[in-house]
Amino acid sequence: MALTKAEMAEKLFDEVGLNKREAKEFVDAFFDVLREALEQGRQVKLSGFGNFDLRRKNQRPGRNPKTGEEIPISARTVVTFRPGQKLKERVEAYAGSGQ
């Protein structure tokens, strides 16, 4: 099950003590800052969590799965996420606990 922005705001409300409006604004502001940095071509490093980077993908040949017709997939920039070591360790520990 996916964690939503609304659930993140609810966690802030429960655990940090922000009111619901402040918690929602905090979550929205966090993602706005993240998005704006990436739009400016900047890497986003979150210590203990991971890095968001932009990666340029060149044009490449593709294929329409229904017709088999070859179609070009245009060059584009994609966002990538590389988890940090601490996040990897915590996820592996959780996954290894059988939960």
PDB file of N, CA and C in Angstrom:
ATOM      1  N   MET A   1       0.843  -1.182   0.000  1.00  0.00           N
ATOM      2  CA  MET A   1       0.000   0.000   0.000  1.00  0.00           C
ATOM      3  C   MET A   1       0.889   1.246   0.000  1.00  0.00           C
ATOM      4  N   ALA A   2       0.547   2.209  -0.794  1.00  0.00           N
ATOM      5  CA  ALA A   2       1.355   3.423  -0.951  1.00  0.00           C
ATOM      6  C   ALA A   2       1.063   4.426   0.165  1.00  0.00           C
ATOM      7  N   LEU A   3       2.089   5.171   0.522  1.00  0.00           N
ATOM      8  CA  LEU A   3       1.949   6.277   1.470  1.00  0.00           C
ATOM      9  C   LEU A   3       1.609   7.527   0.672  1.00  0.00           C
ATOM     10  N   THR A   4       0.533   8.205   1.029  1.00  0.00           N
ATOM     11  CA  THR A   4       0.104   9.395   0.298  1.00  0.00           C
ATOM     12  C   THR A   4       0.547  10.665   1.020  1.00  0.00           C
ATOM     13  N   LYS A   5       0.459  11.789   0.299  1.00  0.00           N
ATOM     14  CA  LYS A   5       0.771  13.078   0.921  1.00  0.00           C
ATOM     15  C   LYS A   5      -0.171  13.353   2.088  1.00  0.00           C
ATOM     16  N   ALA A   6      -1.427  12.981   1.955  1.00  0.00           N
ATOM     17  CA  ALA A   6      -2.401  13.184   3.035  1.00  0.00           C
ATOM     18  C   ALA A   6      -2.003  12.376   4.271  1.00  0.00           C
ATOM     19  N   GLU A   7      -1.524  11.158   4.062  1.00  0.00           N
ATOM     20  CA  GLU A   7      -1.080  10.334   5.194  1.00  0.00           C
ATOM     21  C   GLU A   7       0.180  10.912   5.832  1.00  0.00           C
ATOM     22  N   MET A   8       1.068  11.487   5.025  1.00  0.00           N
ATOM     23  CA  MET A   8       2.259  12.136   5.580  1.00  0.00           C
ATOM     24  C   MET A   8       1.850  13.305   6.467  1.00  0.00           C
ATOM     25  N   ALA A   9       0.902  14.102   5.995  1.00  0.00           N
ATOM     26  CA  ALA A   9       0.418  15.237   6.784  1.00  0.00           C
ATOM     27  C   ALA A   9      -0.223  14.749   8.077  1.00  0.00           C
ATOM     28  N   GLU A  10      -0.961  13.662   8.011  1.00  0.00           N
ATOM     29  CA  GLU A  10      -1.593  13.090   9.206  1.00  0.00           C
ATOM     30  C   GLU A  10      -0.536  12.643  10.218  1.00  0.00           C
ATOM     31  N   LYS A  11       0.564  12.054   9.728  1.00  0.00           N
ATOM     32  CA  LYS A  11       1.668  11.649  10.616  1.00  0.00           C
ATOM     33  C   LYS A  11       2.273  12.858  11.313  1.00  0.00           C
ATOM     34  N   LEU A  12       2.484  13.948  10.552  1.00  0.00           N
ATOM     35  CA  LEU A  12       3.019  15.173  11.154  1.00  0.00           C
ATOM     36  C   LEU A  12       2.062  15.704  12.212  1.00  0.00           C
ATOM     37  N   PHE A  13       0.786  15.639  11.940  1.00  0.00           N
ATOM     38  CA  PHE A  13      -0.230  16.063  12.901  1.00  0.00           C
ATOM     39  C   PHE A  13      -0.126  15.225  14.175  1.00  0.00           C
ATOM     40  N   ASP A  14      -0.038  13.906  14.022  1.00  0.00           N
ATOM     41  CA  ASP A  14      -0.005  12.990  15.167  1.00  0.00           C
ATOM     42  C   ASP A  14       1.306  13.049  15.945  1.00  0.00           C
ATOM     43  N   GLU A  15       2.434  13.088  15.228  1.00  0.00           N
ATOM     44  CA  GLU A  15       3.728  12.897  15.877  1.00  0.00           C
ATOM     45  C   GLU A  15       4.483  14.178  16.193  1.00  0.00           C
ATOM     46  N   VAL A  16       4.257  15.247  15.426  1.00  0.00           N
ATOM     47  CA  VAL A  16       5.026  16.478  15.625  1.00  0.00           C
ATOM     48  C   VAL A  16       4.195  17.528  16.356  1.00  0.00           C
ATOM     49  N   GLY A  17       2.891  17.432  16.221  1.00  0.00           N
ATOM     50  CA  GLY A  17       2.035  18.378  16.915  1.00  0.00           C
ATOM     51  C   GLY A  17       1.604  19.569  16.082  1.00  0.00           C
ATOM     52  N   LEU A  18       1.882  19.528  14.781  1.00  0.00           N
ATOM     53  CA  LEU A  18       1.365  20.580  13.908  1.00  0.00           C
ATOM     54  C   LEU A  18      -0.144  20.380  13.774  1.00  0.00           C
ATOM     55  N   ASN A  19      -0.876  21.490  13.571  1.00  0.00           N
ATOM     56  CA  ASN A  19      -2.298  21.286  13.298  1.00  0.00           C
ATOM     57  C   ASN A  19      -2.432  20.762  11.869  1.00  0.00           C
ATOM     58  N   LYS A  20      -3.619  20.301  11.519  1.00  0.00           N
ATOM     59  CA  LYS A  20      -3.784  19.628  10.218  1.00  0.00           C
ATOM     60  C   LYS A  20      -3.469  20.547   9.045  1.00  0.00           C
ATOM     61  N   ARG A  21      -3.871  21.810   9.129  1.00  0.00           N
ATOM     62  CA  ARG A  21      -3.598  22.750   8.043  1.00  0.00           C
ATOM     63  C   ARG A  21      -2.102  22.972   7.903  1.00  0.00           C
ATOM     64  N   GLU A  22      -1.401  23.176   9.032  1.00  0.00           N
ATOM     65  CA  GLU A  22       0.051  23.383   8.999  1.00  0.00           C
ATOM     66  C   GLU A  22       0.767  22.149   8.462  1.00  0.00           C
ATOM     67  N   ALA A  23       0.317  20.979   8.873  1.00  0.00           N
ATOM     68  CA  ALA A  23       0.944  19.733   8.423  1.00  0.00           C
ATOM     69  C   ALA A  23       0.800  19.578   6.910  1.00  0.00           C
ATOM     70  N   LYS A  24      -0.390  19.862   6.377  1.00  0.00           N
ATOM     71  CA  LYS A  24      -0.605  19.771   4.927  1.00  0.00           C
ATOM     72  C   LYS A  24       0.262  20.788   4.200  1.00  0.00           C
ATOM     73  N   GLU A  25       0.330  22.019   4.714  1.00  0.00           N
ATOM     74  CA  GLU A  25       1.150  23.059   4.091  1.00  0.00           C
ATOM     75  C   GLU A  25       2.629  22.688   4.127  1.00  0.00           C
ATOM     76  N   PHE A  26       3.079  22.075   5.221  1.00  0.00           N
ATOM     77  CA  PHE A  26       4.467  21.652   5.357  1.00  0.00           C
ATOM     78  C   PHE A  26       4.811  20.607   4.295  1.00  0.00           C
ATOM     79  N   VAL A  27       3.968  19.594   4.160  1.00  0.00           N
ATOM     80  CA  VAL A  27       4.207  18.530   3.173  1.00  0.00           C
ATOM     81  C   VAL A  27       4.198  19.115   1.762  1.00  0.00           C
ATOM     82  N   ASP A  28       3.212  19.967   1.468  1.00  0.00           N
ATOM     83  CA  ASP A  28       3.142  20.591   0.143  1.00  0.00           C
ATOM     84  C   ASP A  28       4.383  21.436  -0.132  1.00  0.00           C
ATOM     85  N   ALA A  29       4.823  22.212   0.868  1.00  0.00           N
ATOM     86  CA  ALA A  29       6.002  23.070   0.699  1.00  0.00           C
ATOM     87  C   ALA A  29       7.253  22.228   0.465  1.00  0.00           C
ATOM     88  N   PHE A  30       7.383  21.116   1.186  1.00  0.00           N
ATOM     89  CA  PHE A  30       8.536  20.236   1.010  1.00  0.00           C
ATOM     90  C   PHE A  30       8.623  19.750  -0.437  1.00  0.00           C
ATOM     91  N   PHE A  31       7.508  19.261  -0.968  1.00  0.00           N
ATOM     92  CA  PHE A  31       7.522  18.748  -2.332  1.00  0.00           C
ATOM     93  C   PHE A  31       7.675  19.861  -3.360  1.00  0.00           C
ATOM     94  N   ASP A  32       7.173  21.057  -3.056  1.00  0.00           N
ATOM     95  CA  ASP A  32       7.377  22.200  -3.954  1.00  0.00           C
ATOM     96  C   ASP A  32       8.858  22.543  -4.064  1.00  0.00           C
ATOM     97  N   VAL A  33       9.557  22.563  -2.921  1.00  0.00           N
ATOM     98  CA  VAL A  33      10.992  22.870  -2.918  1.00  0.00           C
ATOM     99  C   VAL A  33      11.760  21.801  -3.688  1.00  0.00           C
ATOM    100  N   LEU A  34      11.420  20.547  -3.473  1.00  0.00           N
ATOM    101  CA  LEU A  34      12.057  19.434  -4.181  1.00  0.00           C
ATOM    102  C   LEU A  34      11.845  19.571  -5.690  1.00  0.00           C
ATOM    103  N   ARG A  35      10.603  19.812  -6.104  1.00  0.00           N
ATOM    104  CA  ARG A  35      10.274  19.946  -7.523  1.00  0.00           C
ATOM    105  C   ARG A  35      10.980  21.139  -8.148  1.00  0.00           C
ATOM    106  N   GLU A  36      10.984  22.284  -7.451  1.00  0.00           N
ATOM    107  CA  GLU A  36      11.621  23.488  -7.988  1.00  0.00           C
ATOM    108  C   GLU A  36      13.119  23.280  -8.192  1.00  0.00           C
ATOM    109  N   ALA A  37      13.768  22.620  -7.238  1.00  0.00           N
ATOM    110  CA  ALA A  37      15.203  22.360  -7.371  1.00  0.00           C
ATOM    111  C   ALA A  37      15.475  21.488  -8.591  1.00  0.00           C
ATOM    112  N   LEU A  38      14.683  20.449  -8.780  1.00  0.00           N
ATOM    113  CA  LEU A  38      14.867  19.571  -9.936  1.00  0.00           C
ATOM    114  C   LEU A  38      14.576  20.304 -11.238  1.00  0.00           C
ATOM    115  N   GLU A  39      13.561  21.173 -11.239  1.00  0.00           N
ATOM    116  CA  GLU A  39      13.258  21.958 -12.442  1.00  0.00           C
ATOM    117  C   GLU A  39      14.417  22.868 -12.819  1.00  0.00           C
ATOM    118  N   GLN A  40      15.202  23.294 -11.823  1.00  0.00           N
ATOM    119  CA  GLN A  40      16.363  24.157 -12.061  1.00  0.00           C
ATOM    120  C   GLN A  40      17.611  23.346 -12.410  1.00  0.00           C
ATOM    121  N   GLY A  41      17.462  22.025 -12.496  1.00  0.00           N
ATOM    122  CA  GLY A  41      18.584  21.171 -12.856  1.00  0.00           C
ATOM    123  C   GLY A  41      19.500  20.838 -11.694  1.00  0.00           C
ATOM    124  N   ARG A  42      19.028  21.049 -10.473  1.00  0.00           N
ATOM    125  CA  ARG A  42      19.862  20.795  -9.298  1.00  0.00           C
ATOM    126  C   ARG A  42      19.618  19.397  -8.745  1.00  0.00           C
ATOM    127  N   GLN A  43      20.673  18.814  -8.196  1.00  0.00           N
ATOM    128  CA  GLN A  43      20.552  17.551  -7.488  1.00  0.00           C
ATOM    129  C   GLN A  43      19.966  17.850  -6.110  1.00  0.00           C
ATOM    130  N   VAL A  44      19.149  16.944  -5.587  1.00  0.00           N
ATOM    131  CA  VAL A  44      18.596  17.097  -4.242  1.00  0.00           C
ATOM    132  C   VAL A  44      19.171  15.980  -3.387  1.00  0.00           C
ATOM    133  N   LYS A  45      19.938  16.366  -2.354  1.00  0.00           N
ATOM    134  CA  LYS A  45      20.555  15.397  -1.448  1.00  0.00           C
ATOM    135  C   LYS A  45      19.864  15.486  -0.098  1.00  0.00           C
ATOM    136  N   LEU A  46      19.287  14.378   0.344  1.00  0.00           N
ATOM    137  CA  LEU A  46      18.651  14.310   1.649  1.00  0.00           C
ATOM    138  C   LEU A  46      19.473  13.340   2.496  1.00  0.00           C
ATOM    139  N   SER A  47      20.288  13.893   3.370  1.00  0.00           N
ATOM    140  CA  SER A  47      21.209  13.105   4.178  1.00  0.00           C
ATOM    141  C   SER A  47      20.467  12.004   4.933  1.00  0.00           C
ATOM    142  N   GLY A  48      20.991  10.791   4.849  1.00  0.00           N
ATOM    143  CA  GLY A  48      20.389   9.656   5.521  1.00  0.00           C
ATOM    144  C   GLY A  48      19.212   9.058   4.769  1.00  0.00           C
ATOM    145  N   PHE A  49      18.831   9.676   3.654  1.00  0.00           N
ATOM    146  CA  PHE A  49      17.686   9.187   2.885  1.00  0.00           C
ATOM    147  C   PHE A  49      18.099   8.808   1.473  1.00  0.00           C
ATOM    148  N   GLY A  50      18.595   9.788   0.703  1.00  0.00           N
ATOM    149  CA  GLY A  50      19.026   9.490  -0.657  1.00  0.00           C
ATOM    150  C   GLY A  50      19.121  10.737  -1.504  1.00  0.00           C
ATOM    151  N   ASN A  51      19.403  10.537  -2.790  1.00  0.00           N
ATOM    152  CA  ASN A  51      19.598  11.640  -3.732  1.00  0.00           C
ATOM    153  C   ASN A  51      18.627  11.536  -4.899  1.00  0.00           C
ATOM    154  N   PHE A  52      18.074  12.685  -5.267  1.00  0.00           N
ATOM    155  CA  PHE A  52      17.274  12.809  -6.479  1.00  0.00           C
ATOM    156  C   PHE A  52      18.151  13.486  -7.515  1.00  0.00           C
ATOM    157  N   ASP A  53      18.265  12.888  -8.689  1.00  0.00           N
ATOM    158  CA  ASP A  53      19.094  13.424  -9.766  1.00  0.00           C
ATOM    159  C   ASP A  53      18.279  13.496 -11.048  1.00  0.00           C
ATOM    160  N   LEU A  54      18.774  14.318 -11.971  1.00  0.00           N
ATOM    161  CA  LEU A  54      18.221  14.351 -13.321  1.00  0.00           C
ATOM    162  C   LEU A  54      19.167  13.587 -14.225  1.00  0.00           C
ATOM    163  N   ARG A  55      18.607  12.773 -15.108  1.00  0.00           N
ATOM    164  CA  ARG A  55      19.421  12.009 -16.034  1.00  0.00           C
ATOM    165  C   ARG A  55      18.872  12.204 -17.440  1.00  0.00           C
ATOM    166  N   ARG A  56      19.756  12.483 -18.347  1.00  0.00           N
ATOM    167  CA  ARG A  56      19.384  12.687 -19.744  1.00  0.00           C
ATOM    168  C   ARG A  56      19.362  11.333 -20.442  1.00  0.00           C
ATOM    169  N   LYS A  57      18.260  11.037 -21.112  1.00  0.00           N
ATOM    170  CA  LYS A  57      18.158   9.801 -21.889  1.00  0.00           C
ATOM    171  C   LYS A  57      18.116  10.179 -23.361  1.00  0.00           C
ATOM    172  N   ASN A  58      18.956   9.552 -24.147  1.00  0.00           N
ATOM    173  CA  ASN A  58      19.018   9.819 -25.582  1.00  0.00           C
ATOM    174  C   ASN A  58      17.831   9.195 -26.303  1.00  0.00           C
ATOM    175  N   GLN A  59      17.595   9.684 -27.515  1.00  0.00           N
ATOM    176  CA  GLN A  59      16.558   9.073 -28.349  1.00  0.00           C
ATOM    177  C   GLN A  59      16.969   7.635 -28.629  1.00  0.00           C
ATOM    178  N   ARG A  60      15.963   6.760 -28.693  1.00  0.00           N
ATOM    179  CA  ARG A  60      16.246   5.358 -28.980  1.00  0.00           C
ATOM    180  C   ARG A  60      15.075   4.760 -29.740  1.00  0.00           C
ATOM    181  N   PRO A  61      15.328   3.660 -30.431  1.00  0.00           N
ATOM    182  CA  PRO A  61      14.225   3.028 -31.156  1.00  0.00           C
ATOM    183  C   PRO A  61      13.313   2.279 -30.186  1.00  0.00           C
ATOM    184  N   GLY A  62      12.034   2.326 -30.465  1.00  0.00           N
ATOM    185  CA  GLY A  62      11.053   1.585 -29.684  1.00  0.00           C
ATOM    186  C   GLY A  62      10.135   0.839 -30.627  1.00  0.00           C
ATOM    187  N   ARG A  63       9.145   0.183 -30.063  1.00  0.00           N
ATOM    188  CA  ARG A  63       8.238  -0.595 -30.899  1.00  0.00           C
ATOM    189  C   ARG A  63       6.836  -0.502 -30.311  1.00  0.00           C
ATOM    190  N   ASN A  64       5.857  -0.298 -31.186  1.00  0.00           N
ATOM    191  CA  ASN A  64       4.460  -0.314 -30.770  1.00  0.00           C
ATOM    192  C   ASN A  64       4.109  -1.768 -30.451  1.00  0.00           C
ATOM    193  N   PRO A  65       3.725  -2.078 -29.208  1.00  0.00           N
ATOM    194  CA  PRO A  65       3.478  -3.477 -28.849  1.00  0.00           C
ATOM    195  C   PRO A  65       2.285  -4.099 -29.579  1.00  0.00           C
ATOM    196  N   LYS A  66       1.341  -3.285 -30.024  1.00  0.00           N
ATOM    197  CA  LYS A  66       0.168  -3.833 -30.721  1.00  0.00           C
ATOM    198  C   LYS A  66       0.460  -4.139 -32.185  1.00  0.00           C
ATOM    199  N   THR A  67       1.172  -3.222 -32.847  1.00  0.00           N
ATOM    200  CA  THR A  67       1.385  -3.379 -34.292  1.00  0.00           C
ATOM    201  C   THR A  67       2.773  -3.890 -34.646  1.00  0.00           C
ATOM    202  N   GLY A  68       3.709  -3.774 -33.707  1.00  0.00           N
ATOM    203  CA  GLY A  68       5.083  -4.159 -34.000  1.00  0.00           C
ATOM    204  C   GLY A  68       5.835  -3.093 -34.771  1.00  0.00           C
ATOM    205  N   GLU A  69       5.139  -2.003 -35.102  1.00  0.00           N
ATOM    206  CA  GLU A  69       5.760  -0.911 -35.854  1.00  0.00           C
ATOM    207  C   GLU A  69       6.852  -0.250 -35.018  1.00  0.00           C
ATOM    208  N   GLU A  70       7.983   0.015 -35.673  1.00  0.00           N
ATOM    209  CA  GLU A  70       9.082   0.684 -34.985  1.00  0.00           C
ATOM    210  C   GLU A  70       8.774   2.176 -34.888  1.00  0.00           C
ATOM    211  N   ILE A  71       8.927   2.722 -33.683  1.00  0.00           N
ATOM    212  CA  ILE A  71       8.699   4.155 -33.469  1.00  0.00           C
ATOM    213  C   ILE A  71       9.829   4.700 -32.609  1.00  0.00           C
ATOM    214  N   PRO A  72      10.263   5.924 -32.887  1.00  0.00           N
ATOM    215  CA  PRO A  72      11.343   6.490 -32.078  1.00  0.00           C
ATOM    216  C   PRO A  72      10.820   6.958 -30.715  1.00  0.00           C
ATOM    217  N   ILE A  73      11.583   6.679 -29.677  1.00  0.00           N
ATOM    218  CA  ILE A  73      11.298   7.214 -28.343  1.00  0.00           C
ATOM    219  C   ILE A  73      12.197   8.426 -28.195  1.00  0.00           C
ATOM    220  N   SER A  74      11.592   9.589 -28.038  1.00  0.00           N
ATOM    221  CA  SER A  74      12.352  10.842 -28.072  1.00  0.00           C
ATOM    222  C   SER A  74      13.263  10.993 -26.856  1.00  0.00           C
ATOM    223  N   ALA A  75      14.291  11.806 -27.033  1.00  0.00           N
ATOM    224  CA  ALA A  75      15.216  12.118 -25.943  1.00  0.00           C
ATOM    225  C   ALA A  75      14.441  12.846 -24.856  1.00  0.00           C
ATOM    226  N   ARG A  76      14.815  12.594 -23.617  1.00  0.00           N
ATOM    227  CA  ARG A  76      14.116  13.244 -22.513  1.00  0.00           C
ATOM    228  C   ARG A  76      14.984  13.252 -21.270  1.00  0.00           C
ATOM    229  N   THR A  77      14.560  14.024 -20.305  1.00  0.00           N
ATOM    230  CA  THR A  77      15.222  14.070 -19.009  1.00  0.00           C
ATOM    231  C   THR A  77      14.308  13.387 -18.002  1.00  0.00           C
ATOM    232  N   VAL A  78      14.877  12.498 -17.198  1.00  0.00           N
ATOM    233  CA  VAL A  78      14.095  11.771 -16.204  1.00  0.00           C
ATOM    234  C   VAL A  78      14.671  12.019 -14.815  1.00  0.00           C
ATOM    235  N   VAL A  79      13.817  11.881 -13.816  1.00  0.00           N
ATOM    236  CA  VAL A  79      14.247  12.001 -12.425  1.00  0.00           C
ATOM    237  C   VAL A  79      14.600  10.604 -11.933  1.00  0.00           C
ATOM    238  N   THR A  80      15.755  10.489 -11.294  1.00  0.00           N
ATOM    239  CA  THR A  80      16.145   9.216 -10.695  1.00  0.00           C
ATOM    240  C   THR A  80      16.332   9.417  -9.198  1.00  0.00           C
ATOM    241  N   PHE A  81      16.138   8.355  -8.442  1.00  0.00           N
ATOM    242  CA  PHE A  81      16.358   8.389  -6.998  1.00  0.00           C
ATOM    243  C   PHE A  81      17.325   7.284  -6.642  1.00  0.00           C
ATOM    244  N   ARG A  82      18.360   7.648  -5.882  1.00  0.00           N
ATOM    245  CA  ARG A  82      19.311   6.652  -5.380  1.00  0.00           C
ATOM    246  C   ARG A  82      19.237   6.667  -3.867  1.00  0.00           C
ATOM    247  N   PRO A  83      18.783   5.589  -3.261  1.00  0.00           N
ATOM    248  CA  PRO A  83      18.676   5.570  -1.804  1.00  0.00           C
ATOM    249  C   PRO A  83      20.051   5.635  -1.152  1.00  0.00           C
ATOM    250  N   GLY A  84      20.112   6.314  -0.015  1.00  0.00           N
ATOM    251  CA  GLY A  84      21.346   6.391   0.750  1.00  0.00           C
ATOM    252  C   GLY A  84      21.581   5.103   1.525  1.00  0.00           C
ATOM    253  N   GLN A  85      22.792   4.964   2.039  1.00  0.00           N
ATOM    254  CA  GLN A  85      23.163   3.744   2.748  1.00  0.00           C
ATOM    255  C   GLN A  85      22.288   3.507   3.981  1.00  0.00           C
ATOM    256  N   LYS A  86      22.010   4.571   4.744  1.00  0.00           N
ATOM    257  CA  LYS A  86      21.188   4.405   5.952  1.00  0.00           C
ATOM    258  C   LYS A  86      19.788   3.917   5.606  1.00  0.00           C
ATOM    259  N   LEU A  87      19.199   4.470   4.553  1.00  0.00           N
ATOM    260  CA  LEU A  87      17.866   4.029   4.137  1.00  0.00           C
ATOM    261  C   LEU A  87      17.910   2.573   3.696  1.00  0.00           C
ATOM    262  N   LYS A  88      18.919   2.208   2.914  1.00  0.00           N
ATOM    263  CA  LYS A  88      19.051   0.817   2.467  1.00  0.00           C
ATOM    264  C   LYS A  88      19.133  -0.131   3.661  1.00  0.00           C
ATOM    265  N   GLU A  89      19.955   0.236   4.647  1.00  0.00           N
ATOM    266  CA  GLU A  89      20.132  -0.622   5.819  1.00  0.00           C
ATOM    267  C   GLU A  89      18.830  -0.784   6.598  1.00  0.00           C
ATOM    268  N   ARG A  90      18.090   0.306   6.771  1.00  0.00           N
ATOM    269  CA  ARG A  90      16.836   0.236   7.525  1.00  0.00           C
ATOM    270  C   ARG A  90      15.790  -0.588   6.786  1.00  0.00           C
ATOM    271  N   VAL A  91      15.717  -0.433   5.466  1.00  0.00           N
ATOM    272  CA  VAL A  91      14.755  -1.209   4.676  1.00  0.00           C
ATOM    273  C   VAL A  91      15.130  -2.687   4.713  1.00  0.00           C
ATOM    274  N   GLU A  92      16.422  -2.983   4.579  1.00  0.00           N
ATOM    275  CA  GLU A  92      16.869  -4.378   4.620  1.00  0.00           C
ATOM    276  C   GLU A  92      16.595  -4.994   5.987  1.00  0.00           C
ATOM    277  N   ALA A  93      16.816  -4.229   7.062  1.00  0.00           N
ATOM    278  CA  ALA A  93      16.559  -4.737   8.412  1.00  0.00           C
ATOM    279  C   ALA A  93      15.068  -5.005   8.598  1.00  0.00           C
ATOM    280  N   TYR A  94      14.230  -4.106   8.094  1.00  0.00           N
ATOM    281  CA  TYR A  94      12.781  -4.286   8.204  1.00  0.00           C
ATOM    282  C   TYR A  94      12.332  -5.489   7.380  1.00  0.00           C
ATOM    283  N   ALA A  95      12.835  -5.591   6.146  1.00  0.00           N
ATOM    284  CA  ALA A  95      12.459  -6.698   5.269  1.00  0.00           C
ATOM    285  C   ALA A  95      12.925  -8.027   5.856  1.00  0.00           C
ATOM    286  N   GLY A  96      14.064  -8.011   6.530  1.00  0.00           N
ATOM    287  CA  GLY A  96      14.603  -9.228   7.123  1.00  0.00           C
ATOM    288  C   GLY A  96      13.899  -9.644   8.402  1.00  0.00           C
ATOM    289  N   SER A  97      13.085  -8.738   8.974  1.00  0.00           N
ATOM    290  CA  SER A  97      12.413  -9.052  10.235  1.00  0.00           C
ATOM    291  C   SER A  97      11.129  -9.850  10.022  1.00  0.00           C
ATOM    292  N   GLY A  98      10.755 -10.060   8.758  1.00  0.00           N
ATOM    293  CA  GLY A  98       9.571 -10.849   8.456  1.00  0.00           C
ATOM    294  C   GLY A  98       8.270 -10.078   8.549  1.00  0.00           C
ATOM    295  N   GLN A  99       8.331  -8.751   8.641  1.00  0.00           N
ATOM    296  CA  GLN A  99       7.092  -7.960   8.751  1.00  0.00           C
ATOM    297  C   GLN A  99       6.550  -7.589   7.413  1.00  0.00           C
TER     298      GLN A  99
END
